[in-house]
């Protein structure tokens, strides 16, 4: 079992930066693929970034590549999303997610993630 709590969202201006954190509880965190997803009003939830359980591999949506960085600290049971050069199109509720399968492969598919946080709002004004 993994429980996830996001923090770090807020209201910023275009060009600003934010760092989201996701604190996880549960002994399986270090063996779990972690991902960030987002959902904007009126849109479907979409993949933003993912990181493998062993920190070797990261993957990003094309829309955030070069601006966002996902990282994790397995000693602190925490995954981060550093967001730079934010744009109004980045406005959404951001969700942290965990793939509870043991040492699974990294995927963009939200249906492979079976643990979700409550979400944190990120609003970027122009």
Protein backbone atom coordinates (compact mmCIF):
# COMPACT_ATOMS: atom_id res chain seq x y z
CA UNK A 1 0.00 0.00 0.00
CA UNK A 2 1.19 3.51 -0.83
CA UNK A 3 -0.39 6.78 0.30
CA UNK A 4 0.55 9.99 -1.50
CA UNK A 5 0.28 13.63 -0.43
CA UNK A 6 1.17 16.45 -2.84
CA UNK A 7 2.24 19.95 -1.90
CA UNK A 8 3.80 23.01 -3.47
CA UNK A 9 1.11 24.22 -5.82
CA UNK A 10 0.05 27.84 -6.05
CA UNK A 11 -0.61 30.90 -8.17
CA UNK A 12 2.34 32.20 -10.17
CA UNK A 13 3.00 34.34 -13.20
CA UNK A 14 4.14 33.13 -16.59
CA UNK A 15 7.88 32.49 -16.54
CA UNK A 16 7.99 31.68 -12.84
CA UNK A 17 8.99 28.38 -11.25
CA UNK A 18 7.39 26.01 -8.76
CA UNK A 19 8.48 22.78 -7.17
CA UNK A 20 5.87 20.19 -6.36
CA UNK A 21 6.54 17.53 -3.76
CA UNK A 22 4.83 14.23 -3.20
CA UNK A 23 5.37 12.51 0.13
CA UNK A 24 4.71 8.80 0.08
CA UNK A 25 4.03 6.41 2.90
CA UNK A 26 4.48 2.70 2.57
CA UNK A 27 7.41 0.37 2.42
CA UNK A 28 7.16 -0.20 -1.33
CA UNK A 29 7.86 3.38 -2.44
CA UNK A 30 11.47 2.76 -3.38
CA UNK A 31 10.42 -0.13 -5.63
CA UNK A 32 7.63 1.78 -7.38
CA UNK A 33 7.52 3.74 -10.60
CA UNK A 34 6.30 7.27 -9.83
CA UNK A 35 4.57 9.71 -12.10
CA UNK A 36 3.05 13.16 -12.27
CA UNK A 37 -0.17 13.79 -14.13
CA UNK A 38 -2.32 16.88 -14.55
CA UNK A 39 -5.88 17.73 -15.38
CA UNK A 40 -6.99 21.11 -16.66
CA UNK A 41 -10.62 22.24 -16.51
CA UNK A 42 -12.67 20.55 -19.20
CA UNK A 43 -9.79 18.33 -20.27
CA UNK A 44 -8.79 14.74 -19.63
CA UNK A 45 -6.03 13.89 -17.21
CA UNK A 46 -2.70 13.72 -18.99
CA UNK A 47 0.75 12.35 -18.28
CA UNK A 48 3.40 14.92 -17.36
CA UNK A 49 6.49 13.04 -16.20
CA UNK A 50 7.58 9.69 -14.81
CA UNK A 51 10.62 8.24 -13.09
CA UNK A 52 11.70 4.64 -12.73
CA UNK A 53 11.98 2.98 -9.35
CA UNK A 54 15.77 2.88 -9.61
CA UNK A 55 16.02 6.55 -10.70
CA UNK A 56 17.78 5.56 -13.93
CA UNK A 57 15.05 6.54 -16.36
CA UNK A 58 12.82 9.58 -16.71
CA UNK A 59 10.24 10.38 -19.35
CA UNK A 60 8.35 13.59 -20.11
CA UNK A 61 5.41 14.81 -22.09
CA UNK A 62 6.54 16.80 -25.10
CA UNK A 63 4.73 19.86 -23.78
CA UNK A 64 6.96 20.05 -20.67
CA UNK A 65 10.24 18.62 -21.94
CA UNK A 66 13.10 20.98 -21.20
CA UNK A 67 11.08 22.93 -18.62
CA UNK A 68 10.07 20.31 -16.03
CA UNK A 69 12.29 17.90 -14.14
CA UNK A 70 11.13 14.91 -12.14
CA UNK A 71 13.31 13.51 -9.37
CA UNK A 72 12.97 11.30 -6.34
CA UNK A 73 14.65 10.77 -3.01
CA UNK A 74 13.97 7.21 -1.95
CA UNK A 75 15.51 7.84 1.47
CA UNK A 76 12.85 10.50 2.07
CA UNK A 77 10.03 8.66 0.27
CA UNK A 78 9.48 11.77 -1.81
CA UNK A 79 9.17 12.55 -5.50
CA UNK A 80 9.51 16.06 -6.89
CA UNK A 81 8.48 17.97 -9.97
CA UNK A 82 10.54 21.06 -10.65
CA UNK A 83 8.61 23.29 -13.04
CA UNK A 84 10.44 26.17 -14.71
CA UNK A 85 9.32 28.76 -17.23
CA UNK A 86 5.70 28.07 -16.45
CA UNK A 87 3.07 28.94 -19.02
CA UNK A 88 -0.67 29.61 -18.68
CA UNK A 89 -1.28 26.27 -20.45
CA UNK A 90 0.36 24.55 -17.46
CA UNK A 91 -2.58 25.56 -15.29
CA UNK A 92 -4.12 22.37 -13.90
CA UNK A 93 -4.52 20.17 -10.87
CA UNK A 94 -1.34 18.14 -10.59
CA UNK A 95 -1.49 14.59 -9.28
CA UNK A 96 1.24 12.34 -8.02
CA UNK A 97 0.80 8.66 -8.79
CA UNK A 98 2.50 5.39 -7.98
CA UNK A 99 2.59 2.12 -9.84
CA UNK A 100 2.24 -0.40 -7.04
CA UNK A 101 3.72 -3.27 -9.02
CA UNK A 102 7.14 -4.33 -7.80
CA UNK A 103 9.92 -2.80 -9.96
CA UNK A 104 7.68 -2.39 -12.97
CA UNK A 105 8.64 -0.66 -16.19
CA UNK A 106 8.15 3.08 -16.58
CA UNK A 107 4.98 3.95 -18.45
CA UNK A 108 2.94 6.98 -19.45
CA UNK A 109 -0.30 5.03 -19.16
CA UNK A 110 -2.31 6.35 -16.23
CA UNK A 111 -4.12 3.02 -15.87
CA UNK A 112 -0.86 1.40 -14.80
CA UNK A 113 -0.76 3.69 -11.75
CA UNK A 114 -2.95 2.42 -8.97
CA UNK A 115 -2.18 4.90 -6.17
CA UNK A 116 -3.02 8.58 -6.47
CA UNK A 117 -2.69 11.69 -4.37
CA UNK A 118 -5.45 14.23 -3.84
CA UNK A 119 -3.91 16.73 -6.23
CA UNK A 120 -2.49 20.22 -5.90
CA UNK A 121 -3.63 23.25 -7.91
CA UNK A 122 -1.16 25.10 -10.11
CA UNK A 123 -2.39 28.31 -11.68
CA UNK A 124 -0.22 30.32 -14.06
CA UNK A 125 -1.36 33.81 -14.97
CA UNK A 126 -0.28 35.58 -18.15
